[in-house]
Amino acid sequence: MNRKQFIVLLALVLVLGGAAWWHYHRQTAGWSNPNPELGQKLLGDFQVNDVAQIRIEQGTNDLTLAKTNGLWCVAQRDDYPANFSQISQLLLKLRDLKIVQTEAVGPSQLPRLNLAPPGQGTNAAMLLEFDAAGGRPIRTLWLGKAHTQQSSQPSPDAPEGGWPDGRYVLTAPHSTTVAVISDPLSEVNPAPDQWLDKTFLQIEKPQSISVNFPEATNSWELTRSSETNDWELAGAKPGEKLDRSKVSETAGSFSSPSFADVATDLSPKQTGLDRPTRVVIKTFDGFDYSMKVGAKTNDNYCLTVHTSATLPKEPAPVKGEKPEQQAAADKTFQANLKTLQTKLARESAFNQWVYFVPTWTVDPLLKTREQLLVPKPAVTQTNTPSAVSSLEKPTTK
């Protein structure tokens, strides 16, 4: 490399380096502010273990998450268990959030940042309150609009106004300084259904499934003698043959169902549970799931479930089994029994609520008796009994 080429290469490196430096400072300029509060924790010494209640309010929506007997619950859903992991993650995130920018803002400018007092119009802040046991206030936070960052490389997929990379917040109602944090806190939502623990039933090893419709002729029952045997239609009439593909879909629809929400303050007539379709599923493990399916609302059915079980107290004896084999079998039995007892305790806790369960989960189970059968051939003029009889008559000369 000669001297001229070296000088050109050096100049190119300096230009590229300067461009990178300029781009970096342009990207971080939004966070620059020579304020002593920068880098400090937003909520100071926030003791997450002291929090016993969280309240989120936005407009007419109000959510309360509270510890009841040591368990986080959603007050607006009749104290249904809340998602502990979701709550824990939010508290830990808020504990560690730091201030990355501050702005001096007068009261008249707060609506521009969606930080008007909570409950006062469309530009009002979202209220986030934390209380200790007994209602003692710990922290209050007003959440405003998202802070956005324009991309240096515009994209047609980018949202109008840029990508959210933070949020404007107030930590004191009458403060004249608005803080900006580097997280939009999009998970903070006052909708109760978003905070429910959605862990639900897990129906394993079904032995029989019966569905009793208000219209009795639509009802049916499926049984099987072992987990590997095919399903059979109880009380099958001559000519009734199960469609195996439909039966497989129906039998597996409640193996691991989900629910969308918990129904509250609704009468049996409103939910359709005054005249339900009744479903009973029995398993080889001794579990009995008795469900009532009510009316369809939008994309969900109203449903209740009552779980019970009859569990064996000791393993079945095996003829000729040696003592060491009996000991091993008993150990396995006790471990399995403990698992089933834990499952029963967890699933029987679902007995006290009414659920909104998605139609795609329930519909396969609500097939009528006729819909489970192989369709009969359509009757035509050539296959009617009279037509067949006439074809079989010998011709005379």
Protein backbone atom coordinates (compact mmCIF):
# COMPACT_ATOMS: atom_id res chain seq x y z
CA MET A 1 0.00 0.00 0.00
CA ASN A 2 1.48 3.35 -1.03
CA ARG A 3 1.27 6.59 0.90
CA LYS A 4 -1.60 8.00 -1.15
CA GLN A 5 -3.75 4.91 -0.64
CA PHE A 6 -3.04 4.96 3.11
CA ILE A 7 -4.15 8.60 3.41
CA VAL A 8 -7.39 7.88 1.50
CA LEU A 9 -8.12 4.86 3.72
CA LEU A 10 -7.43 6.86 6.91
CA ALA A 11 -9.74 9.65 5.76
CA LEU A 12 -12.49 7.11 5.06
CA VAL A 13 -12.14 5.62 8.55
CA LEU A 14 -12.38 9.08 10.12
CA VAL A 15 -15.52 9.93 8.12
CA LEU A 16 -17.24 6.66 9.02
CA GLY A 17 -16.25 7.00 12.67
CA GLY A 18 -17.58 10.54 12.82
CA ALA A 19 -20.87 9.46 11.22
CA ALA A 20 -21.26 6.65 13.76
CA TRP A 21 -20.53 9.05 16.65
CA TRP A 22 -23.08 11.55 15.32
CA HIS A 23 -25.73 8.83 14.88
CA TYR A 24 -25.15 7.49 18.41
CA HIS A 25 -25.52 10.91 20.01
CA ARG A 26 -28.60 11.63 17.94
CA GLN A 27 -30.18 8.40 19.16
CA THR A 28 -29.39 9.12 22.82
CA ALA A 29 -30.07 12.84 22.71
CA GLY A 30 -33.68 12.25 23.81
CA TRP A 31 -32.39 10.88 27.12
CA SER A 32 -29.78 13.57 27.77
CA ASN A 33 -30.48 15.90 30.66
CA PRO A 34 -27.98 17.19 33.22
CA ASN A 35 -30.32 16.53 36.13
CA PRO A 36 -29.23 14.90 39.41
CA GLU A 37 -32.39 12.75 39.37
CA LEU A 38 -31.23 10.90 36.28
CA GLY A 39 -30.27 7.33 37.01
CA GLN A 40 -32.15 7.33 40.31
CA LYS A 41 -34.81 4.71 40.99
CA LEU A 42 -38.27 5.96 40.05
CA LEU A 43 -39.97 4.67 43.22
CA GLY A 44 -37.00 5.03 45.55
CA ASP A 45 -36.74 2.31 48.19
CA PHE A 46 -39.71 0.30 46.96
CA GLN A 47 -40.21 -2.75 49.20
CA VAL A 48 -42.11 -5.16 46.96
CA ASN A 49 -42.72 -7.67 49.77
CA ASP A 50 -44.75 -5.05 51.64
CA VAL A 51 -47.25 -4.68 48.80
CA ALA A 52 -50.59 -6.32 49.65
CA GLN A 53 -52.84 -4.49 47.21
CA ILE A 54 -52.48 -2.98 43.73
CA ARG A 55 -55.07 -0.69 42.22
CA ILE A 56 -55.19 0.33 38.55
CA GLU A 57 -57.68 2.93 37.37
CA GLN A 58 -58.20 4.33 33.89
CA GLY A 59 -61.39 6.16 32.97
CA THR A 60 -64.33 4.04 34.09
CA ASN A 61 -62.17 0.92 34.42
CA ASP A 62 -61.05 0.03 37.92
CA LEU A 63 -59.03 -3.03 38.93
CA THR A 64 -58.00 -4.20 42.39
CA LEU A 65 -55.50 -6.99 42.96
CA ALA A 66 -55.29 -7.93 46.62
CA LYS A 67 -53.79 -10.61 48.82
CA THR A 68 -56.51 -12.72 50.43
CA ASN A 69 -55.31 -15.35 52.90
CA GLY A 70 -51.86 -15.08 51.35
CA LEU A 71 -53.13 -15.55 47.79
CA TRP A 72 -53.30 -12.80 45.17
CA CYS A 73 -56.88 -12.40 43.90
CA VAL A 74 -58.83 -10.26 41.42
CA ALA A 75 -61.50 -8.38 43.39
CA GLN A 76 -63.67 -7.63 40.32
CA ARG A 77 -63.90 -11.36 39.60
CA ASP A 78 -65.22 -12.48 42.99
CA ASP A 79 -61.69 -12.91 44.33
CA TYR A 80 -60.68 -15.39 41.64
CA PRO A 81 -56.94 -16.24 41.89
CA ALA A 82 -54.68 -13.80 40.05
CA ASN A 83 -51.61 -14.65 38.02
CA PHE A 84 -48.89 -14.45 40.68
CA SER A 85 -46.04 -14.60 38.17
CA GLN A 86 -47.47 -11.63 36.26
CA ILE A 87 -47.85 -9.57 39.44
CA SER A 88 -44.39 -10.52 40.69
CA GLN A 89 -42.74 -9.55 37.41
CA LEU A 90 -44.47 -6.15 37.44
CA LEU A 91 -43.44 -5.38 41.03
CA LEU A 92 -39.81 -6.34 40.41
CA LYS A 93 -39.70 -4.28 37.24
CA LEU A 94 -41.09 -1.21 39.01
CA ARG A 95 -38.65 -1.65 41.87
CA ASP A 96 -35.71 -1.40 39.47
CA LEU A 97 -37.02 1.25 37.04
CA LYS A 98 -34.80 4.31 36.77
CA ILE A 99 -35.40 7.86 35.60
CA VAL A 100 -33.78 8.52 32.23
CA GLN A 101 -35.15 12.02 31.56
CA THR A 102 -37.07 14.78 33.32
CA GLU A 103 -39.15 17.67 32.04
CA ALA A 104 -40.46 20.73 33.86
CA VAL A 105 -44.16 20.83 33.01
CA GLY A 106 -46.87 23.17 34.27
CA PRO A 107 -50.39 21.96 35.16
CA SER A 108 -51.82 23.23 31.87
CA GLN A 109 -49.36 21.06 29.90
CA LEU A 110 -50.11 17.77 31.69
CA PRO A 111 -53.04 16.80 29.41
CA ARG A 112 -50.62 16.94 26.45
CA LEU A 113 -48.74 14.05 28.07
CA ASN A 114 -51.93 12.22 29.14
CA LEU A 115 -51.11 13.17 32.72
CA ALA A 116 -54.24 15.10 33.65
CA PRO A 117 -55.63 13.99 37.05
CA PRO A 118 -57.07 10.44 36.86
CA GLY A 119 -60.75 10.34 36.01
CA GLN A 120 -60.73 13.76 34.33
CA GLY A 121 -61.30 13.19 30.61
CA THR A 122 -59.62 11.32 27.79
CA ASN A 123 -56.19 12.83 28.56
CA ALA A 124 -56.21 11.62 32.15
CA ALA A 125 -53.38 9.55 33.58
CA MET A 126 -53.66 5.89 34.46
CA LEU A 127 -53.54 5.58 38.24
CA LEU A 128 -51.33 2.93 39.79
CA GLU A 129 -51.50 2.61 43.59
CA PHE A 130 -49.67 0.26 45.95
CA ASP A 131 -50.86 -0.36 49.50
CA ALA A 132 -49.56 -2.46 52.37
CA ALA A 133 -51.70 -4.71 54.55
CA GLY A 134 -54.42 -2.74 56.30
CA GLY A 135 -54.60 -0.20 53.47
CA ARG A 136 -51.45 1.76 54.36
CA PRO A 137 -50.34 3.65 51.19
CA ILE A 138 -46.87 2.78 49.88
CA ARG A 139 -46.54 4.44 46.48
CA THR A 140 -48.74 6.20 43.90
CA LEU A 141 -47.83 6.50 40.25
CA TRP A 142 -49.51 8.34 37.38
CA LEU A 143 -48.81 6.81 33.97
CA GLY A 144 -49.02 9.10 30.95
CA LYS A 145 -48.52 8.54 27.25
CA ALA A 146 -45.69 6.52 25.78
CA HIS A 147 -42.38 8.17 24.96
CA THR A 148 -41.49 7.31 21.36
CA GLN A 149 -38.30 7.07 19.36
CA GLN A 150 -38.21 7.72 15.63
CA SER A 151 -36.17 5.17 13.70
CA SER A 152 -33.24 6.46 11.66
CA GLN A 153 -34.39 4.06 8.93
CA PRO A 154 -38.11 4.71 8.30
CA SER A 155 -40.20 1.59 7.72
CA PRO A 156 -43.76 1.23 6.39
CA ASP A 157 -44.42 -1.10 9.35
CA ALA A 158 -43.44 1.52 11.93
CA PRO A 159 -46.36 2.98 13.93
CA GLU A 160 -47.26 6.61 13.44
CA GLY A 161 -45.20 8.71 15.82
CA GLY A 162 -42.45 6.13 16.24
CA TRP A 163 -41.81 3.07 18.39
CA PRO A 164 -42.61 3.33 22.13
CA ASP A 165 -39.41 3.14 24.17
CA GLY A 166 -40.55 4.62 27.47
CA ARG A 167 -43.33 6.44 29.28
CA TYR A 168 -44.07 9.77 30.91
CA VAL A 169 -44.87 9.39 34.61
CA LEU A 170 -45.60 11.40 37.73
CA THR A 171 -44.67 10.11 41.15
CA ALA A 172 -46.46 12.91 43.03
CA PRO A 173 -49.85 14.40 42.05
CA HIS A 174 -48.79 18.05 42.37
CA SER A 175 -45.25 17.72 41.06
CA THR A 176 -44.07 20.14 38.36
CA THR A 177 -41.48 17.67 37.11
CA VAL A 178 -42.45 14.81 34.81
CA ALA A 179 -40.12 11.82 34.69
CA VAL A 180 -39.51 9.56 31.72
CA ILE A 181 -38.71 5.88 32.17
CA SER A 182 -37.20 3.54 29.58
CA ASP A 183 -40.10 1.06 29.64
CA PRO A 184 -43.60 1.73 28.24
CA LEU A 185 -45.18 -0.52 30.91
CA SER A 186 -47.64 -1.82 28.32
CA GLU A 187 -48.55 -4.73 30.59
CA VAL A 188 -50.26 -2.39 33.10
CA ASN A 189 -53.91 -2.86 32.15
CA PRO A 190 -57.10 -2.30 34.20
CA ALA A 191 -58.96 -5.18 32.47
CA PRO A 192 -59.63 -7.88 35.12
CA ASP A 193 -59.53 -10.80 32.67
CA GLN A 194 -55.90 -9.93 31.83
CA TRP A 195 -54.78 -10.69 35.40
CA LEU A 196 -56.56 -14.01 36.04
CA ASP A 197 -54.61 -17.19 36.63
CA LYS A 198 -55.71 -19.09 33.50
CA THR A 199 -54.48 -22.46 34.75
CA PHE A 200 -57.51 -24.73 34.40
CA LEU A 201 -58.66 -28.34 34.22
CA GLN A 202 -56.55 -31.12 32.78
CA ILE A 203 -58.81 -34.10 32.06
CA GLU A 204 -56.61 -37.14 31.61
CA LYS A 205 -57.43 -40.77 30.72
CA PRO A 206 -61.18 -40.36 30.08
CA GLN A 207 -63.18 -43.58 30.46
CA SER A 208 -66.67 -42.33 29.64
CA ILE A 209 -68.22 -39.13 28.27
CA SER A 210 -71.92 -38.40 28.42
CA VAL A 211 -73.74 -35.33 27.10
CA ASN A 212 -77.38 -34.76 28.00
CA PHE A 213 -79.09 -32.06 25.96
CA PRO A 214 -82.38 -30.38 26.90
CA GLU A 215 -83.66 -32.18 23.78
CA ALA A 216 -83.23 -35.79 24.92
CA THR A 217 -82.96 -37.31 21.42
CA ASN A 218 -79.68 -35.43 20.90
CA SER A 219 -78.05 -36.98 23.99
CA TRP A 220 -75.34 -39.66 23.90
CA GLU A 221 -72.70 -41.51 25.90
CA LEU A 222 -69.31 -42.82 24.82
CA THR A 223 -67.45 -45.51 26.75
CA ARG A 224 -64.27 -47.52 26.39
CA SER A 225 -62.90 -50.46 28.37
CA SER A 226 -59.26 -49.29 28.38
CA GLU A 227 -57.13 -46.32 27.36
CA THR A 228 -56.12 -48.06 24.13
CA ASN A 229 -59.56 -49.33 23.10
CA ASP A 230 -61.85 -47.54 20.66
CA TRP A 231 -64.78 -45.51 21.90
CA GLU A 232 -68.19 -47.19 21.70
CA LEU A 233 -71.65 -45.62 21.62
CA ALA A 234 -73.67 -46.74 24.62
CA GLY A 235 -77.10 -48.10 23.66
CA ALA A 236 -76.30 -47.98 19.95
CA LYS A 237 -79.32 -48.69 17.77
CA PRO A 238 -79.24 -50.83 14.62
CA GLY A 239 -77.56 -48.91 11.82
CA GLU A 240 -75.81 -46.43 14.16
CA LYS A 241 -72.08 -46.37 13.47
CA LEU A 242 -69.66 -43.91 15.06
CA ASP A 243 -67.58 -41.60 12.85
CA ARG A 244 -64.14 -42.20 14.40
CA SER A 245 -62.65 -38.85 13.30
CA LYS A 246 -65.53 -36.90 14.88
CA VAL A 247 -65.38 -39.01 18.04
CA SER A 248 -61.62 -38.38 18.37
CA GLU A 249 -62.14 -34.61 18.14
CA THR A 250 -64.98 -34.72 20.67
CA ALA A 251 -63.17 -36.95 23.18
CA GLY A 252 -60.03 -34.79 23.12
CA SER A 253 -61.68 -31.37 23.27
CA PHE A 254 -61.49 -31.11 27.08
CA SER A 255 -58.10 -32.75 27.63
CA SER A 256 -56.61 -29.35 28.48
CA PRO A 257 -59.30 -26.65 28.14
CA SER A 258 -58.82 -22.93 28.71
CA PHE A 259 -61.17 -20.13 29.71
CA ALA A 260 -61.41 -16.50 28.66
CA ASP A 261 -62.91 -14.90 31.76
CA VAL A 262 -64.92 -15.44 34.92
CA ALA A 263 -68.61 -14.44 34.91
CA THR A 264 -69.87 -12.31 37.80
CA ASP A 265 -73.20 -10.82 38.84
CA LEU A 266 -75.15 -12.85 36.27
CA SER A 267 -78.28 -14.88 37.07
CA PRO A 268 -78.72 -18.49 35.85
CA LYS A 269 -81.26 -17.19 33.34
CA GLN A 270 -78.76 -14.66 31.96
CA THR A 271 -76.07 -17.32 31.56
CA GLY A 272 -78.43 -20.00 30.25
CA LEU A 273 -77.47 -22.24 33.18
CA ASP A 274 -81.12 -22.50 34.23
CA ARG A 275 -81.59 -24.94 31.33
CA PRO A 276 -78.09 -26.27 30.64
CA THR A 277 -76.58 -29.04 28.60
CA ARG A 278 -75.07 -31.44 31.12
CA VAL A 279 -71.70 -33.09 30.52
CA VAL A 280 -70.14 -35.80 32.68
CA ILE A 281 -66.62 -37.10 32.07
CA LYS A 282 -65.27 -40.00 34.16
CA THR A 283 -61.62 -41.05 34.04
CA PHE A 284 -59.70 -44.26 34.68
CA ASP A 285 -58.02 -42.46 37.62
CA GLY A 286 -61.35 -42.12 39.41
CA PHE A 287 -62.03 -38.46 38.61
CA ASP A 288 -65.56 -37.26 37.89
CA TYR A 289 -66.08 -33.95 36.06
CA SER A 290 -69.68 -32.77 36.04
CA MET A 291 -70.21 -29.70 33.85
CA LYS A 292 -73.14 -27.49 32.94
CA VAL A 293 -72.96 -25.61 29.64
CA GLY A 294 -75.20 -22.58 29.29
CA ALA A 295 -75.75 -19.91 26.66
CA LYS A 296 -73.27 -18.75 24.05
CA THR A 297 -72.16 -15.14 24.45
CA ASN A 298 -70.08 -13.80 21.56
CA ASP A 299 -67.32 -16.39 21.21
CA ASN A 300 -67.77 -18.06 24.61
CA TYR A 301 -70.10 -20.39 26.46
CA CYS A 302 -71.02 -19.97 30.12
CA LEU A 303 -69.87 -23.09 31.96
CA THR A 304 -69.61 -24.47 35.48
CA VAL A 305 -67.66 -27.53 36.56
CA HIS A 306 -67.78 -29.69 39.66
CA THR A 307 -64.77 -31.96 40.14
CA SER A 308 -64.76 -34.91 42.52
CA ALA A 309 -62.83 -38.17 42.72
CA THR A 310 -62.92 -41.60 44.28
CA LEU A 311 -59.29 -42.56 44.82
CA PRO A 312 -58.13 -46.05 45.87
CA LYS A 313 -56.69 -46.31 49.37
CA GLU A 314 -54.22 -49.11 48.61
CA PRO A 315 -52.81 -50.86 45.55
CA ALA A 316 -54.61 -53.86 44.13
CA PRO A 317 -52.94 -57.10 45.32
CA VAL A 318 -51.05 -59.16 42.77
CA LYS A 319 -51.04 -62.91 43.24
CA GLY A 320 -47.60 -64.39 43.72
CA GLU A 321 -45.91 -61.04 44.22
CA LYS A 322 -42.73 -61.14 46.31
CA PRO A 323 -42.29 -58.84 49.37
CA GLU A 324 -39.72 -56.64 47.61
CA GLN A 325 -42.05 -56.33 44.62
CA GLN A 326 -44.93 -55.41 46.91
CA ALA A 327 -42.77 -52.73 48.57
CA ALA A 328 -41.80 -51.24 45.20
CA ALA A 329 -45.40 -51.34 43.98
CA ASP A 330 -46.63 -49.68 47.19
CA LYS A 331 -44.03 -46.92 46.87
CA THR A 332 -45.13 -46.24 43.30
CA PHE A 333 -48.79 -46.32 44.36
CA GLN A 334 -48.27 -43.83 47.19
CA ALA A 335 -46.40 -41.41 44.91
CA ASN A 336 -49.17 -41.62 42.31
CA LEU A 337 -51.85 -41.20 44.98
CA LYS A 338 -50.17 -38.05 46.26
CA THR A 339 -50.12 -36.65 42.73
CA LEU A 340 -53.83 -37.40 42.29
CA GLN A 341 -54.71 -35.87 45.68
CA THR A 342 -52.84 -32.68 44.73
CA LYS A 343 -54.64 -32.62 41.39
CA LEU A 344 -58.01 -33.07 43.12
CA ALA A 345 -57.35 -30.25 45.58
CA ARG A 346 -56.33 -27.91 42.75
CA GLU A 347 -59.16 -28.76 40.37
CA SER A 348 -61.95 -28.90 42.95
CA ALA A 349 -61.12 -25.25 43.74
CA PHE A 350 -62.63 -24.37 40.34
CA ASN A 351 -66.08 -25.52 41.50
CA GLN A 352 -67.24 -22.15 42.85
CA TRP A 353 -67.11 -19.94 39.74
CA VAL A 354 -68.86 -19.56 36.38
CA TYR A 355 -66.51 -19.43 33.39
CA PHE A 356 -66.59 -18.05 29.88
CA VAL A 357 -65.04 -20.86 27.81
CA PRO A 358 -64.17 -20.36 24.11
CA THR A 359 -66.53 -21.90 21.56
CA TRP A 360 -63.67 -23.74 19.84
CA THR A 361 -63.15 -25.71 23.06
CA VAL A 362 -66.82 -26.48 23.79
CA ASP A 363 -68.34 -26.95 20.32
CA PRO A 364 -66.70 -30.35 19.62
CA LEU A 365 -68.21 -31.64 22.86
CA LEU A 366 -71.69 -30.39 21.96
CA LYS A 367 -72.13 -32.51 18.85
CA THR A 368 -75.55 -34.16 18.80
CA ARG A 369 -75.92 -37.92 18.65
CA GLU A 370 -76.58 -37.77 14.91
CA GLN A 371 -73.50 -35.63 14.30
CA LEU A 372 -71.27 -38.32 15.86
CA LEU A 373 -72.51 -40.99 13.45
CA VAL A 374 -71.44 -41.94 9.96
CA PRO A 375 -74.07 -40.32 7.71
CA LYS A 376 -76.61 -42.70 6.26
CA PRO A 377 -76.83 -42.87 2.45
CA ALA A 378 -79.28 -40.42 0.99
CA VAL A 379 -82.56 -42.00 -0.08
CA THR A 380 -83.10 -41.87 -3.87
CA GLN A 381 -85.63 -43.43 -6.22
CA THR A 382 -83.16 -46.20 -7.11
CA ASN A 383 -82.31 -47.32 -3.57
CA THR A 384 -85.72 -47.18 -1.88
CA PRO A 385 -87.07 -50.50 -0.60
CA SER A 386 -89.78 -50.53 -3.27
CA ALA A 387 -87.28 -49.84 -6.07
CA VAL A 388 -84.92 -52.57 -4.88
CA SER A 389 -87.85 -55.01 -4.55
CA SER A 390 -88.95 -54.35 -8.12
CA LEU A 391 -85.43 -54.96 -9.42
CA GLU A 392 -85.31 -58.32 -7.72
CA LYS A 393 -88.58 -59.59 -9.29
CA PRO A 394 -87.94 -62.09 -12.10
CA THR A 395 -89.25 -61.17 -15.53
CA THR A 396 -91.91 -63.38 -17.14
CA LYS A 397 -92.28 -64.18 -20.77
